[in-house]
């Protein structure tokens, strides 16, 4: 792979996957932290979620964020090996 095209591909993947992944992970940490600190359900937007559901939603956000952050890193490693 051309070094210039691999750099462009890595930058595009970082903007399209890395930045939303960081946002998802940070939001997941906040939701999980607030869910662990709460005595009862605090997320009452459209549904009345209990404490366990709030914690699992936060953990899902963290997991999704880690996957999205890993994509640009894997693209960079893959382009450097070739």
N, C-alpha and C. Protein backbone atom coordinates (compact mmCIF):
# COMPACT_ATOMS: atom_id res chain seq x y z
N UNK A 1 0.84 -1.17 0.00
CA UNK A 1 0.00 0.00 0.00
C UNK A 1 0.89 1.24 0.00
N UNK A 2 0.48 2.21 -0.75
CA UNK A 2 1.20 3.46 -0.84
C UNK A 2 1.22 4.16 0.53
N UNK A 3 2.38 4.68 0.98
CA UNK A 3 2.43 5.34 2.30
C UNK A 3 1.48 6.53 2.42
N UNK A 4 1.29 7.25 1.32
CA UNK A 4 0.39 8.41 1.36
C UNK A 4 -1.07 7.97 1.52
N UNK A 5 -1.45 6.92 0.80
CA UNK A 5 -2.83 6.44 0.90
C UNK A 5 -3.10 5.78 2.25
N UNK A 6 -2.09 5.11 2.81
CA UNK A 6 -2.28 4.51 4.13
C UNK A 6 -2.43 5.59 5.21
N UNK A 7 -1.73 6.70 5.06
CA UNK A 7 -1.88 7.81 6.00
C UNK A 7 -3.28 8.42 5.89
N UNK A 8 -3.75 8.61 4.67
CA UNK A 8 -5.09 9.17 4.47
C UNK A 8 -6.15 8.22 5.02
N UNK A 9 -6.00 6.93 4.78
CA UNK A 9 -6.95 5.94 5.28
C UNK A 9 -6.96 5.91 6.81
N UNK A 10 -5.81 6.03 7.42
CA UNK A 10 -5.74 6.04 8.88
C UNK A 10 -6.38 7.30 9.45
N UNK A 11 -6.16 8.44 8.83
CA UNK A 11 -6.76 9.69 9.31
C UNK A 11 -8.28 9.67 9.15
N UNK A 12 -8.76 9.16 8.03
CA UNK A 12 -10.21 9.07 7.81
C UNK A 12 -10.83 8.12 8.83
N UNK A 13 -10.18 6.99 9.07
CA UNK A 13 -10.71 6.04 10.06
C UNK A 13 -10.68 6.63 11.46
N UNK A 14 -9.67 7.43 11.75
CA UNK A 14 -9.60 8.06 13.07
C UNK A 14 -10.74 9.05 13.26
N UNK A 15 -11.08 9.81 12.22
CA UNK A 15 -12.18 10.76 12.34
C UNK A 15 -13.54 10.07 12.36
N UNK A 16 -13.71 9.03 11.53
CA UNK A 16 -15.02 8.38 11.42
C UNK A 16 -15.27 7.34 12.50
N UNK A 17 -14.22 6.74 13.03
CA UNK A 17 -14.39 5.70 14.05
C UNK A 17 -13.79 6.08 15.39
N UNK A 18 -12.63 6.69 15.38
CA UNK A 18 -11.92 6.98 16.62
C UNK A 18 -12.60 8.03 17.48
N UNK A 19 -12.98 9.14 16.87
CA UNK A 19 -13.61 10.21 17.65
C UNK A 19 -14.99 9.80 18.19
N UNK A 20 -15.87 9.17 17.40
CA UNK A 20 -17.11 8.69 17.99
C UNK A 20 -16.87 7.60 19.04
N UNK A 21 -15.83 6.81 18.87
CA UNK A 21 -15.50 5.78 19.85
C UNK A 21 -15.07 6.38 21.18
N UNK A 22 -14.27 7.44 21.11
CA UNK A 22 -13.86 8.12 22.34
C UNK A 22 -15.08 8.73 23.03
N UNK A 23 -15.95 9.36 22.26
CA UNK A 23 -17.16 9.94 22.83
C UNK A 23 -18.05 8.87 23.45
N UNK A 24 -18.20 7.74 22.78
CA UNK A 24 -19.01 6.65 23.31
C UNK A 24 -18.41 6.08 24.59
N UNK A 25 -17.10 5.92 24.62
CA UNK A 25 -16.45 5.37 25.81
C UNK A 25 -16.55 6.32 27.00
N UNK A 26 -16.34 7.61 26.76
CA UNK A 26 -16.43 8.58 27.85
C UNK A 26 -17.86 8.66 28.38
N UNK A 27 -18.83 8.69 27.47
CA UNK A 27 -20.23 8.71 27.88
C UNK A 27 -20.59 7.43 28.63
N UNK A 28 -20.08 6.30 28.17
CA UNK A 28 -20.33 5.04 28.87
C UNK A 28 -19.74 5.03 30.27
N UNK A 29 -18.53 5.58 30.42
CA UNK A 29 -17.94 5.69 31.75
C UNK A 29 -18.79 6.57 32.66
N UNK A 30 -19.27 7.69 32.12
CA UNK A 30 -20.10 8.59 32.93
C UNK A 30 -21.42 7.93 33.33
N UNK A 31 -22.08 7.28 32.38
CA UNK A 31 -23.35 6.62 32.68
C UNK A 31 -23.15 5.50 33.69
N UNK A 32 -22.08 4.71 33.51
CA UNK A 32 -21.82 3.63 34.46
C UNK A 32 -21.48 4.18 35.84
N UNK A 33 -20.66 5.21 35.89
CA UNK A 33 -20.30 5.81 37.17
C UNK A 33 -21.49 6.39 37.89
N UNK A 34 -22.32 7.13 37.17
CA UNK A 34 -23.51 7.70 37.81
C UNK A 34 -24.50 6.60 38.19
N UNK A 35 -24.55 5.54 37.39
CA UNK A 35 -25.44 4.42 37.73
C UNK A 35 -24.98 3.70 38.99
N UNK A 36 -23.67 3.58 39.16
CA UNK A 36 -23.15 2.93 40.37
C UNK A 36 -23.33 3.80 41.60
N UNK A 37 -23.29 5.11 41.44
CA UNK A 37 -23.43 6.01 42.57
C UNK A 37 -24.88 6.26 42.98
N UNK A 38 -25.81 5.99 42.08
CA UNK A 38 -27.21 6.31 42.34
C UNK A 38 -27.83 5.28 43.29
N UNK A 39 -28.76 5.77 44.09
CA UNK A 39 -29.50 4.87 44.98
C UNK A 39 -30.65 4.20 44.27
N UNK A 40 -31.24 4.89 43.32
CA UNK A 40 -32.37 4.35 42.57
C UNK A 40 -32.25 4.81 41.12
N UNK A 41 -33.27 4.55 40.34
CA UNK A 41 -33.24 4.89 38.92
C UNK A 41 -33.11 6.39 38.73
N UNK A 42 -32.19 6.80 37.88
CA UNK A 42 -31.97 8.21 37.63
C UNK A 42 -32.22 8.59 36.17
N UNK A 43 -32.22 7.62 35.28
CA UNK A 43 -32.39 7.89 33.85
C UNK A 43 -33.87 7.80 33.52
N UNK A 44 -34.56 8.94 33.51
CA UNK A 44 -36.00 8.95 33.30
C UNK A 44 -36.35 9.82 32.11
N UNK A 45 -35.76 9.53 30.97
CA UNK A 45 -36.06 10.32 29.78
C UNK A 45 -37.39 9.86 29.17
N UNK A 46 -37.41 8.71 28.56
CA UNK A 46 -38.65 8.14 28.02
C UNK A 46 -39.04 6.88 28.77
N UNK A 47 -38.08 6.27 29.41
CA UNK A 47 -38.34 5.03 30.14
C UNK A 47 -37.87 5.21 31.57
N UNK A 48 -38.33 4.36 32.41
CA UNK A 48 -37.92 4.38 33.80
C UNK A 48 -37.00 3.17 34.03
N UNK A 49 -35.72 3.34 33.72
CA UNK A 49 -34.77 2.25 33.82
C UNK A 49 -34.31 2.08 35.26
N UNK A 50 -34.16 0.84 35.67
CA UNK A 50 -33.65 0.60 37.01
C UNK A 50 -32.13 0.72 37.00
N UNK A 51 -31.53 0.59 38.15
CA UNK A 51 -30.10 0.82 38.33
C UNK A 51 -29.26 -0.15 37.48
N UNK A 52 -29.65 -1.40 37.44
CA UNK A 52 -28.89 -2.41 36.69
C UNK A 52 -28.93 -2.12 35.19
N UNK A 53 -30.07 -1.68 34.69
CA UNK A 53 -30.18 -1.36 33.26
C UNK A 53 -29.31 -0.16 32.89
N UNK A 54 -29.24 0.82 33.78
CA UNK A 54 -28.39 1.98 33.53
C UNK A 54 -26.92 1.57 33.49
N UNK A 55 -26.52 0.71 34.41
CA UNK A 55 -25.13 0.25 34.45
C UNK A 55 -24.80 -0.56 33.19
N UNK A 56 -25.70 -1.45 32.78
CA UNK A 56 -25.45 -2.24 31.58
C UNK A 56 -25.43 -1.38 30.32
N UNK A 57 -26.24 -0.33 30.29
CA UNK A 57 -26.20 0.59 29.15
C UNK A 57 -24.86 1.29 29.07
N UNK A 58 -24.34 1.71 30.21
CA UNK A 58 -23.02 2.35 30.25
C UNK A 58 -21.92 1.40 29.83
N UNK A 59 -21.99 0.15 30.29
CA UNK A 59 -20.98 -0.84 29.90
C UNK A 59 -21.04 -1.14 28.41
N UNK A 60 -22.25 -1.13 27.84
CA UNK A 60 -22.39 -1.30 26.39
C UNK A 60 -21.75 -0.16 25.62
N UNK A 61 -21.90 1.06 26.13
CA UNK A 61 -21.25 2.20 25.51
C UNK A 61 -19.74 2.11 25.57
N UNK A 62 -19.22 1.64 26.70
CA UNK A 62 -17.76 1.46 26.84
C UNK A 62 -17.28 0.40 25.85
N UNK A 63 -17.99 -0.71 25.74
CA UNK A 63 -17.60 -1.79 24.84
C UNK A 63 -17.62 -1.32 23.39
N UNK A 64 -18.68 -0.60 23.01
CA UNK A 64 -18.76 -0.07 21.65
C UNK A 64 -17.64 0.93 21.39
N UNK A 65 -17.34 1.75 22.37
CA UNK A 65 -16.26 2.72 22.22
C UNK A 65 -14.91 2.06 22.03
N UNK A 66 -14.66 0.99 22.77
CA UNK A 66 -13.37 0.28 22.64
C UNK A 66 -13.25 -0.33 21.24
N UNK A 67 -14.33 -0.89 20.74
CA UNK A 67 -14.29 -1.47 19.39
C UNK A 67 -14.04 -0.37 18.34
N UNK A 68 -14.73 0.76 18.48
CA UNK A 68 -14.54 1.84 17.51
C UNK A 68 -13.15 2.46 17.60
N UNK A 69 -12.57 2.51 18.79
CA UNK A 69 -11.21 3.04 18.94
C UNK A 69 -10.20 2.07 18.35
N UNK A 70 -10.48 0.77 18.42
CA UNK A 70 -9.54 -0.23 17.92
C UNK A 70 -9.45 -0.25 16.39
N UNK A 71 -10.50 0.19 15.71
CA UNK A 71 -10.51 0.12 14.24
C UNK A 71 -9.40 0.96 13.62
N UNK A 72 -9.22 2.24 13.96
CA UNK A 72 -8.11 2.99 13.35
C UNK A 72 -6.74 2.46 13.75
N UNK A 73 -6.63 1.93 14.96
CA UNK A 73 -5.35 1.36 15.39
C UNK A 73 -5.02 0.13 14.55
N UNK A 74 -6.02 -0.72 14.32
CA UNK A 74 -5.79 -1.91 13.50
C UNK A 74 -5.50 -1.55 12.05
N UNK A 75 -6.16 -0.53 11.53
CA UNK A 75 -5.87 -0.08 10.16
C UNK A 75 -4.45 0.44 10.07
N UNK A 76 -4.01 1.18 11.08
CA UNK A 76 -2.64 1.70 11.08
C UNK A 76 -1.62 0.56 11.14
N UNK A 77 -1.85 -0.44 12.03
CA UNK A 77 -0.94 -1.59 12.08
C UNK A 77 -0.93 -2.36 10.77
N UNK A 78 -2.11 -2.54 10.18
CA UNK A 78 -2.19 -3.29 8.94
C UNK A 78 -1.48 -2.56 7.80
N UNK A 79 -1.60 -1.23 7.76
CA UNK A 79 -0.95 -0.48 6.69
C UNK A 79 0.57 -0.39 6.91
N UNK A 80 1.04 -0.44 8.13
CA UNK A 80 2.46 -0.38 8.41
C UNK A 80 3.15 -1.72 8.08
N UNK A 81 2.44 -2.81 8.17
CA UNK A 81 3.04 -4.12 7.91
C UNK A 81 3.27 -4.35 6.43
N UNK A 82 2.52 -3.69 5.60
CA UNK A 82 2.64 -3.94 4.15
C UNK A 82 3.71 -3.10 3.55
